[in-house]
Protein backbone atom coordinates (compact mmCIF):
# COMPACT_ATOMS: atom_id res chain seq x y z
CA MET A 1 -50.02 -27.25 -51.78
CA ARG A 2 -51.91 -24.71 -49.81
CA SER A 3 -50.72 -26.37 -46.41
CA CYS A 4 -47.07 -26.43 -47.79
CA SER A 5 -47.24 -22.80 -49.05
CA ILE A 6 -49.01 -21.35 -45.84
CA ARG A 7 -46.13 -22.60 -44.02
CA GLY A 8 -43.81 -20.72 -46.41
CA VAL A 9 -45.74 -17.70 -45.51
CA ILE A 10 -45.16 -18.17 -41.33
CA ARG A 11 -41.33 -19.25 -42.14
CA HIS A 12 -40.94 -15.96 -44.18
CA HIS A 13 -42.97 -14.01 -41.44
CA LEU A 14 -41.04 -15.43 -38.39
CA ALA A 15 -37.67 -15.40 -40.06
CA TRP A 16 -38.71 -11.21 -40.02
CA LEU A 17 -39.49 -11.60 -36.77
CA VAL A 18 -36.17 -12.62 -35.93
CA LEU A 19 -34.73 -10.34 -37.84
CA ILE A 20 -36.52 -7.20 -36.35
CA LEU A 21 -35.55 -8.52 -32.60
CA CYS A 22 -32.41 -8.78 -33.44
CA SER A 23 -31.63 -5.42 -35.18
CA TRP A 24 -33.76 -4.24 -32.09
CA ARG A 25 -31.36 -5.42 -29.67
CA VAL A 26 -28.33 -4.26 -31.54
CA ALA A 27 -29.55 -1.07 -31.26
CA ALA A 28 -30.10 -1.04 -27.88
CA ALA A 29 -26.78 -1.83 -27.10
CA GLN A 30 -25.35 0.90 -29.54
CA ASP A 31 -27.72 3.29 -27.65
CA GLN A 32 -26.51 2.32 -24.11
CA GLN A 33 -24.03 4.76 -22.58
CA ALA A 34 -20.62 3.77 -22.41
CA PRO A 35 -19.00 4.24 -18.66
CA LYS A 36 -17.37 7.47 -18.11
CA THR A 37 -15.14 8.94 -15.88
CA ASP A 38 -16.08 11.15 -12.93
CA PRO A 39 -15.49 14.75 -14.81
CA VAL A 40 -14.25 15.94 -11.11
CA GLU A 41 -11.85 13.00 -10.86
CA ALA A 42 -10.66 13.38 -14.62
CA ALA A 43 -10.12 16.91 -14.67
CA ALA A 44 -7.79 16.69 -11.72
CA LEU A 45 -6.06 13.82 -12.81
CA ASN A 46 -5.22 15.79 -16.02
CA THR A 47 -4.12 18.71 -13.95
CA ILE A 48 -1.68 16.26 -11.67
CA LEU A 49 -0.33 14.66 -14.82
CA GLY A 50 0.27 18.22 -16.52
CA ARG A 51 1.64 19.65 -13.71
CA TRP A 52 4.14 16.18 -13.76
CA GLY A 53 4.73 16.96 -17.22
CA LYS A 54 3.25 13.56 -17.79
CA LYS A 55 0.72 11.63 -20.05
CA ALA A 56 -1.93 8.96 -19.80
CA SER A 57 -1.04 6.22 -22.24
CA PRO A 58 -3.31 5.49 -24.93
CA GLU A 59 -3.50 1.78 -23.37
CA TRP A 60 -5.94 3.30 -20.76
CA ASN A 61 -7.11 6.57 -22.15
CA ILE A 62 -9.06 5.66 -25.01
CA SER A 63 -10.02 8.77 -27.20
CA GLY A 64 -9.78 10.46 -24.37
CA GLU A 65 -11.39 8.71 -21.73
CA LEU A 66 -9.37 7.68 -19.12
CA CYS A 67 -11.34 5.00 -17.48
CA SER A 68 -11.27 2.82 -20.46
CA GLY A 69 -8.76 0.24 -22.33
CA PHE A 70 -6.63 -1.25 -19.33
CA ALA A 71 -7.66 1.24 -16.76
CA ALA A 72 -11.29 -0.54 -16.63
CA ASP A 73 -10.63 -4.05 -17.03
CA LYS A 74 -10.84 -6.51 -14.55
CA THR A 75 -7.20 -7.52 -14.33
CA ASP A 76 -4.61 -6.79 -11.65
CA TRP A 77 -3.07 -4.03 -12.47
CA ASP A 78 0.55 -5.68 -11.68
CA ASN A 79 -0.34 -7.26 -14.74
CA TYR A 80 1.03 -4.28 -16.42
CA ARG A 81 4.11 -3.24 -14.65
CA ASP A 82 5.33 -1.36 -17.78
CA ILE A 83 2.21 0.84 -18.00
CA ASN A 84 3.69 4.03 -15.98
CA PRO A 85 1.87 6.59 -14.91
CA PHE A 86 -1.05 3.97 -15.13
CA ILE A 87 -4.60 4.23 -13.07
CA LYS A 88 -7.38 1.80 -12.23
CA CYS A 89 -10.95 2.28 -12.38
CA ASP A 90 -14.08 0.99 -10.74
CA CYS A 91 -17.05 1.18 -13.18
CA THR A 92 -19.82 -0.15 -11.61
CA PHE A 93 -21.61 2.97 -10.16
CA ASN A 94 -24.62 4.60 -11.44
CA ASN A 95 -25.85 1.07 -13.19
CA ASN A 96 -22.38 0.43 -14.97
CA THR A 97 -22.17 4.19 -16.67
CA LEU A 98 -19.58 6.05 -14.00
CA CYS A 99 -16.50 5.10 -13.26
CA HIS A 100 -14.23 6.38 -9.89
CA ILE A 101 -10.63 6.18 -10.41
CA THR A 102 -9.37 3.58 -7.48
CA ARG A 103 -5.47 3.13 -7.94
CA LEU A 104 -2.79 5.35 -9.53
CA ARG A 105 0.80 4.51 -9.99
CA VAL A 106 3.18 7.16 -10.67
CA THR A 107 6.77 5.45 -9.67
CA TYR A 108 10.39 6.02 -10.98
CA LEU A 109 9.41 8.86 -13.23
CA ASP A 110 11.45 11.82 -11.23
CA VAL A 111 8.14 14.31 -10.98
CA VAL A 112 9.12 17.19 -8.65
CA GLY A 113 7.03 19.08 -6.79
CA GLN A 114 4.80 18.98 -3.80
CA ILE A 115 2.21 16.61 -3.66
CA PRO A 116 -0.83 18.30 -5.80
CA ALA A 117 -3.83 19.72 -4.12
CA GLU A 118 -5.47 18.24 -7.31
CA LEU A 119 -4.97 14.67 -5.58
CA GLN A 120 -7.89 15.08 -2.94
CA ASN A 121 -10.34 14.96 -5.65
CA LEU A 122 -9.43 11.37 -6.09
CA THR A 123 -11.38 10.49 -3.09
CA HIS A 124 -12.47 6.84 -4.14
CA LEU A 125 -8.60 5.58 -4.28
CA VAL A 126 -7.49 2.53 -2.64
CA ASP A 127 -4.25 2.26 -3.87
CA LEU A 128 -1.36 5.32 -4.68
CA ASN A 129 1.88 4.03 -5.17
CA LEU A 130 4.29 7.34 -6.00
CA PHE A 131 7.52 5.42 -4.85
CA ARG A 132 10.85 7.17 -5.69
CA ASN A 133 10.00 10.30 -7.26
CA TYR A 134 11.82 13.86 -5.88
CA LEU A 135 8.37 14.79 -4.37
CA THR A 136 9.18 17.58 -1.91
CA GLY A 137 7.25 19.73 1.47
CA PRO A 138 5.03 17.88 3.82
CA ILE A 139 2.69 15.28 3.36
CA PRO A 140 -0.79 17.28 3.49
CA SER A 141 -3.01 16.92 5.63
CA PHE A 142 -5.62 16.34 3.39
CA ILE A 143 -4.35 12.64 3.12
CA GLY A 144 -6.64 12.07 5.92
CA LYS A 145 -9.74 12.07 3.52
CA PHE A 146 -8.53 8.69 1.86
CA THR A 147 -10.46 6.91 4.12
CA SER A 148 -10.77 3.84 1.58
CA MET A 149 -7.09 3.89 1.19
CA GLN A 150 -5.96 0.24 1.41
CA TYR A 151 -1.98 0.93 0.67
CA LEU A 152 -0.21 3.76 0.51
CA SER A 153 3.52 4.00 -0.79
CA LEU A 154 5.43 7.55 -0.41
CA SER A 155 8.70 5.92 -0.33
CA PHE A 156 11.89 6.97 -1.65
CA ASN A 157 10.95 11.53 -2.06
CA PRO A 158 12.98 14.36 -0.11
CA LEU A 159 9.47 14.78 1.84
CA SER A 160 9.93 16.64 4.73
CA GLY A 161 8.14 18.15 7.88
CA LEU A 162 6.11 16.42 10.49
CA LEU A 163 4.25 13.59 9.32
CA PRO A 164 0.76 14.55 9.87
CA LYS A 165 -1.58 12.98 12.37
CA GLU A 166 -4.81 12.37 9.65
CA LEU A 167 -2.85 9.74 8.22
CA GLY A 168 -4.43 8.00 11.39
CA ASN A 169 -7.79 8.34 9.37
CA LEU A 170 -6.79 5.70 7.41
CA THR A 171 -8.38 2.82 9.23
CA ASN A 172 -8.51 0.54 5.94
CA LEU A 173 -5.14 0.73 5.56
CA LEU A 174 -3.17 -2.67 4.84
CA SER A 175 0.39 -1.12 4.02
CA LEU A 176 1.54 2.04 4.70
CA GLY A 177 5.78 2.81 2.85
CA ILE A 178 7.11 6.05 3.83
CA SER A 179 10.92 5.18 4.29
CA SER A 180 14.25 7.01 2.83
CA ASP A 181 12.34 10.32 3.13
CA ASN A 182 13.37 13.46 4.67
CA PHE A 183 10.62 13.70 8.03
CA THR A 184 11.34 15.34 11.32
CA GLY A 185 10.05 14.80 14.69
CA SER A 186 8.41 11.93 16.49
CA LEU A 187 5.34 9.42 14.98
CA PRO A 188 2.21 10.94 15.58
CA GLU A 189 0.46 8.53 18.28
CA GLU A 190 -2.46 8.26 16.19
CA LEU A 191 -0.96 6.10 13.67
CA GLY A 192 -2.27 3.13 16.29
CA ASN A 193 -5.72 3.34 15.04
CA LEU A 194 -4.15 2.01 11.68
CA THR A 195 -5.57 -1.74 13.05
CA LYS A 196 -5.73 -3.40 10.03
CA LEU A 197 -1.98 -2.49 8.77
CA GLN A 198 0.01 -5.55 7.92
CA GLN A 199 3.01 -3.85 6.59
CA LEU A 200 4.78 -0.80 8.26
CA TYR A 201 8.26 0.75 6.48
CA PHE A 202 9.20 4.14 7.79
CA ASP A 203 13.23 3.44 7.32
CA SER A 204 15.80 6.05 6.96
CA SER A 205 13.63 8.64 7.53
CA GLY A 206 14.75 10.62 9.41
CA PHE A 207 11.98 9.83 13.16
CA SER A 208 13.12 10.69 16.19
CA GLY A 209 11.99 10.50 19.86
CA PRO A 210 10.42 7.48 21.47
CA PHE A 211 8.72 4.66 20.05
CA PRO A 212 4.85 5.14 20.58
CA SER A 213 2.80 3.46 22.93
CA SER A 214 -0.25 3.23 20.42
CA PHE A 215 1.58 0.90 18.58
CA SER A 216 0.81 -1.87 20.81
CA LYS A 217 -2.63 -1.75 19.00
CA LEU A 218 -1.14 -2.83 15.54
CA GLN A 219 -1.73 -6.55 16.04
CA ASN A 220 -2.15 -7.29 12.55
CA LEU A 221 1.30 -6.10 11.55
CA LYS A 222 3.33 -8.76 9.94
CA PHE A 223 6.54 -6.12 8.30
CA LEU A 224 8.00 -3.25 10.64
CA SER A 225 11.22 -1.69 9.37
CA ALA A 226 12.11 0.91 11.90
CA SER A 227 15.83 1.17 10.78
CA ASP A 228 18.21 4.00 10.27
CA ASN A 229 16.11 6.94 12.43
CA VAL A 230 16.82 8.70 15.68
CA PHE A 231 14.52 6.66 17.80
CA LYS A 232 15.69 7.01 21.82
CA GLY A 233 14.46 4.77 24.55
CA LYS A 234 13.68 1.36 25.58
CA ILE A 235 12.23 -0.85 22.60
CA PRO A 236 8.79 -1.57 23.36
CA ALA A 237 8.80 -4.68 25.53
CA TYR A 238 4.69 -4.61 24.08
CA LEU A 239 6.33 -5.99 20.53
CA GLY A 240 6.28 -9.48 22.07
CA THR A 241 2.29 -9.09 21.85
CA MET A 242 2.02 -8.77 18.64
CA THR A 243 2.72 -12.40 17.37
CA ASN A 244 2.01 -12.25 13.70
CA LEU A 245 5.24 -10.40 13.42
CA GLU A 246 7.23 -11.88 10.63
CA ASP A 247 10.14 -9.44 9.72
CA ILE A 248 11.09 -6.37 12.42
CA ALA A 249 14.36 -4.16 11.81
CA PHE A 250 15.13 -1.98 14.09
CA HIS A 251 19.04 -0.87 13.26
CA GLY A 252 20.73 1.59 13.54
CA ASN A 253 18.74 4.13 16.17
CA SER A 254 19.79 4.86 20.10
CA PHE A 255 17.48 2.61 21.62
CA GLU A 256 18.89 2.06 24.88
CA GLY A 257 19.28 -2.08 26.19
CA PRO A 258 18.41 -5.09 27.58
CA VAL A 259 16.30 -6.04 24.60
CA PRO A 260 12.75 -6.75 26.09
CA GLU A 261 12.58 -10.70 26.72
CA SER A 262 8.89 -10.67 25.64
CA LEU A 263 10.42 -10.70 21.98
CA SER A 264 10.35 -14.42 22.54
CA ASN A 265 6.87 -15.08 22.05
CA LEU A 266 7.71 -13.95 18.07
CA THR A 267 7.36 -17.37 16.99
CA LYS A 268 6.52 -16.38 13.61
CA LEU A 269 9.59 -14.51 12.96
CA THR A 270 11.42 -15.32 10.04
CA ARG A 271 13.95 -12.30 10.21
CA LEU A 272 14.84 -10.47 13.07
CA TRP A 273 17.44 -7.30 12.89
CA ILE A 274 18.25 -5.37 15.66
CA GLY A 275 21.28 -3.26 16.35
CA ASP A 276 23.24 -0.35 17.56
CA ILE A 277 22.01 -0.71 21.52
CA ILE A 278 23.28 2.32 23.48
CA ASN A 279 23.42 0.66 26.75
CA GLY A 280 22.52 -2.15 28.62
CA VAL A 281 23.32 -5.62 28.87
CA SER A 282 20.66 -8.06 27.17
CA PRO A 283 20.93 -11.62 27.46
CA LEU A 284 20.01 -14.21 24.61
CA ALA A 285 16.75 -16.12 25.79
CA PHE A 286 15.07 -14.13 23.74
CA ILE A 287 15.22 -15.95 20.47
CA SER A 288 14.84 -19.17 22.13
CA ASN A 289 11.51 -19.49 20.46
CA MET A 290 11.66 -18.85 16.99
CA ALA A 291 12.86 -21.74 15.10
CA SER A 292 11.23 -19.92 11.94
CA LEU A 293 14.16 -17.90 11.97
CA SER A 294 15.92 -17.41 8.58
CA THR A 295 17.59 -14.28 9.56
CA LEU A 296 19.33 -13.05 12.61
CA ILE A 297 21.57 -10.24 13.11
CA LEU A 298 22.44 -8.87 16.29
CA ARG A 299 25.24 -6.61 15.45
CA ASN A 300 26.35 -3.98 18.49
CA CYS A 301 23.71 -5.15 20.56
CA LYS A 302 25.88 -5.75 24.01
CA ILE A 303 24.88 -9.67 24.19
CA SER A 304 26.09 -10.96 27.38
CA SER A 305 25.35 -14.84 27.98
CA ASP A 306 26.17 -18.27 27.70
CA LEU A 307 25.53 -19.20 24.29
CA GLY A 308 24.53 -22.46 25.45
CA ALA A 309 21.64 -21.26 27.37
CA VAL A 310 20.31 -21.14 23.75
CA GLU A 311 19.89 -24.76 21.35
CA PHE A 312 20.92 -23.57 18.62
CA SER A 313 20.30 -26.64 16.44
CA MET A 314 16.15 -25.60 16.64
CA PHE A 315 17.21 -22.93 13.77
CA LYS A 316 16.96 -25.10 10.78
CA GLN A 317 15.74 -22.52 8.35
CA LEU A 318 18.73 -20.14 9.49
CA LYS A 319 21.16 -18.52 6.86
CA LEU A 320 22.11 -15.66 8.07
CA LEU A 321 23.75 -15.18 11.33
């Protein structure tokens, strides 16, 4: 009987000990500081949204904390296409107590005015998407501060002026979209520093002059859209060295012929659109090795050669000619 009583007392004390330990862990978890948005970045974003007449969604701004809810989870922000504007954050800084804003999306919202100066305080941005708004004025030179940026889309805005050479500082860029804007002048040679680029879109944006020679360094490029500008001179022969290219659009400019034969090296091309060559006759041999083509448009290119010189039966993927 005594041994049973002793065991009962021990079990009773163990139960109290377990309860005390659990209570301590719960209290410690409650006392642990929840991640907070960097105050400088929070102030900057609130100012930007206020200037544009927009508000943070309660789906990512819970009780006034910007980096919360969907903004702070680990999922891809493309899973939340209906949330606009939207941010994503990295909350792993300072032992998981500090969040930095890494992605900002404000698209199709008709925001007006120049690109706000407060944007430069979002120094951890890797993705900035301001597609299809009414932003005016030049791209500010502080854009060169975003050295971690991987994706930048400013297309379909009436932005104007010269393209800043500071864009060449964004050496981690994978995709740059500046199509359908109102720029002037030539493309800066500094864009050749963006050697990680895979996608480059600047069609219908008002650029002129010759194509930059520095683009020969963009050996990782897959998509190049340069149509409907005012480029002059020759289509650069160095394009033939950029063998990762899959899509080229060069129509609607004032390039001189002939089309360089070096393009025959681009065996990964699935889409080739060249048009409006102003002089110089081109043979068709430059397409001879492009067996992956699904779209081939050579409008007003002054092609002059024997079609029999090209084995058209090789183009088994061709859908549009």
